[in-house]
Amino acid sequence: MKLLLDGMLTPAIARELRARGHDVEAVAGHPDREALSDPEVMAIARAEHRAVVTNNLRDYRPLHHEAIVPGGPGHFGMIFMPGGYRRTRADTGRIVAALGAKLALYPGERDLANGEAWL
């Protein structure tokens, strides 16, 4: 599975996961992507065959459901972080480890397709 980290997640997480051999990109740190709407981020993730990692349940939960209804465009997975999941610099290692575990659990590109997982 490949990941696209939503804007609230630091690009340092993507760099660390790439250093471990995973295909991970971040919205943050890409000036052409930082101002995109959530539906546009979903479209990029779909086009690049990436699962989206976000804690923005309010916006992404409806996008998830719209994508998986019959006739919907589908997606390559959603990994949700609960609202209380800490995202400080000190938590980066914990987030990297948690995402690494998800990547190990879902190694194939379509293993989480149209599904969701939680950290």
Protein backbone atom coordinates (compact mmCIF):
# COMPACT_ATOMS: atom_id res chain seq x y z
CA MET A 1 0.00 0.00 0.00
CA LYS A 2 1.10 3.53 -0.72
CA LEU A 3 0.12 6.45 1.51
CA LEU A 4 -0.76 10.11 1.15
CA LEU A 5 -0.58 11.98 4.47
CA ASP A 6 -3.19 14.71 4.83
CA GLY A 7 -2.09 18.27 5.54
CA MET A 8 -2.10 18.05 9.34
CA LEU A 9 0.69 15.44 9.30
CA THR A 10 4.29 16.55 9.09
CA PRO A 11 6.34 15.59 6.03
CA ALA A 12 8.92 14.19 8.48
CA ILE A 13 6.63 11.17 8.88
CA ALA A 14 6.67 10.57 5.13
CA ARG A 15 10.46 10.99 4.99
CA GLU A 16 10.98 8.47 7.79
CA LEU A 17 8.66 5.93 6.20
CA ARG A 18 10.36 6.39 2.82
CA ALA A 19 13.71 5.79 4.52
CA ARG A 20 12.22 2.46 5.65
CA GLY A 21 11.34 1.56 2.06
CA HIS A 22 7.69 2.65 1.90
CA ASP A 23 6.07 4.78 -0.79
CA VAL A 24 4.65 7.67 1.25
CA GLU A 25 3.96 11.27 0.27
CA ALA A 26 2.68 14.19 2.34
CA VAL A 27 0.40 17.04 1.34
CA ALA A 28 2.27 19.35 3.73
CA GLY A 29 5.51 20.59 2.26
CA HIS A 30 4.20 20.52 -1.33
CA PRO A 31 3.15 24.10 -2.15
CA ASP A 32 1.03 22.92 -5.09
CA ARG A 33 -0.92 20.55 -2.82
CA GLU A 34 -1.20 22.43 0.49
CA ALA A 35 -4.13 24.59 -0.64
CA LEU A 36 -6.14 21.75 -2.16
CA SER A 37 -9.60 20.90 -0.88
CA ASP A 38 -10.26 17.53 0.73
CA PRO A 39 -12.04 16.21 -2.40
CA GLU A 40 -9.01 17.27 -4.46
CA VAL A 41 -6.66 15.45 -2.06
CA MET A 42 -8.87 12.35 -2.40
CA ALA A 43 -8.69 12.65 -6.19
CA ILE A 44 -4.88 12.80 -6.07
CA ALA A 45 -4.77 9.80 -3.75
CA ARG A 46 -7.06 7.89 -6.10
CA ALA A 47 -5.01 8.83 -9.18
CA GLU A 48 -1.76 7.81 -7.46
CA HIS A 49 -3.31 4.65 -5.93
CA ARG A 50 -2.64 5.85 -2.38
CA ALA A 51 -4.54 5.42 0.86
CA VAL A 52 -5.20 8.71 2.68
CA VAL A 53 -4.05 9.11 6.29
CA THR A 54 -6.00 11.79 8.18
CA ASN A 55 -7.58 12.76 11.45
CA ASN A 56 -10.14 14.92 9.65
CA LEU A 57 -13.05 12.56 10.13
CA ARG A 58 -15.64 15.29 9.73
CA ASP A 59 -14.70 15.82 6.06
CA TYR A 60 -13.18 12.50 5.03
CA ARG A 61 -15.83 10.15 6.47
CA PRO A 62 -18.44 11.51 4.00
CA LEU A 63 -15.88 11.38 1.16
CA HIS A 64 -15.16 7.74 2.07
CA HIS A 65 -18.86 6.86 1.94
CA GLU A 66 -19.45 8.77 -1.31
CA ALA A 67 -16.57 6.90 -2.93
CA ILE A 68 -17.75 3.41 -1.98
CA VAL A 69 -21.46 3.62 -2.80
CA PRO A 70 -22.49 1.61 -5.88
CA GLY A 71 -21.26 3.52 -8.90
CA GLY A 72 -18.85 5.58 -6.78
CA PRO A 73 -15.24 6.07 -7.85
CA GLY A 74 -13.82 3.99 -5.00
CA HIS A 75 -10.51 4.65 -3.30
CA PHE A 76 -7.36 2.86 -2.20
CA GLY A 77 -8.06 3.07 1.52
CA MET A 78 -8.46 5.45 4.41
CA ILE A 79 -6.48 5.37 7.63
CA PHE A 80 -8.17 7.46 10.28
CA MET A 81 -6.51 8.85 13.38
CA PRO A 82 -8.84 9.54 16.31
CA GLY A 83 -9.18 13.22 17.19
CA GLY A 84 -7.27 12.75 20.43
CA TYR A 85 -4.31 11.07 18.71
CA ARG A 86 -1.35 13.29 19.54
CA ARG A 87 0.58 14.72 16.58
CA THR A 88 3.38 16.70 18.22
CA ARG A 89 6.99 16.45 17.10
CA ALA A 90 7.62 14.14 20.04
CA ASP A 91 4.90 11.81 18.72
CA THR A 92 6.42 11.45 15.24
CA GLY A 93 8.20 8.18 16.08
CA ARG A 94 5.00 6.68 17.48
CA ILE A 95 3.05 7.68 14.36
CA VAL A 96 5.76 6.28 12.09
CA ALA A 97 5.67 2.98 14.00
CA ALA A 98 1.85 2.81 13.86
CA LEU A 99 1.79 3.54 10.13
CA GLY A 100 4.62 1.06 9.57
CA ALA A 101 2.47 -1.60 11.24
CA LYS A 102 -0.46 -0.72 8.96
CA LEU A 103 1.80 -0.90 5.92
CA ALA A 104 2.94 -4.36 7.01
CA LEU A 105 -0.66 -5.45 7.56
CA TYR A 106 -1.77 -4.16 4.15
CA PRO A 107 1.25 -4.62 1.85
CA GLY A 108 -0.65 -4.82 -1.45
CA GLU A 109 -1.87 -1.79 -3.34
CA ARG A 110 -5.51 -2.90 -3.12
CA ASP A 111 -5.40 -4.54 0.32
CA LEU A 112 -7.32 -1.67 1.92
CA ALA A 113 -9.18 -0.55 -1.22
CA ASN A 114 -12.58 0.95 -0.36
CA GLY A 115 -11.92 0.13 3.30
CA GLU A 116 -10.78 1.93 6.37
CA ALA A 117 -8.37 1.30 9.22
CA TRP A 118 -7.69 3.19 12.43
CA LEU A 119 -4.49 4.07 14.26
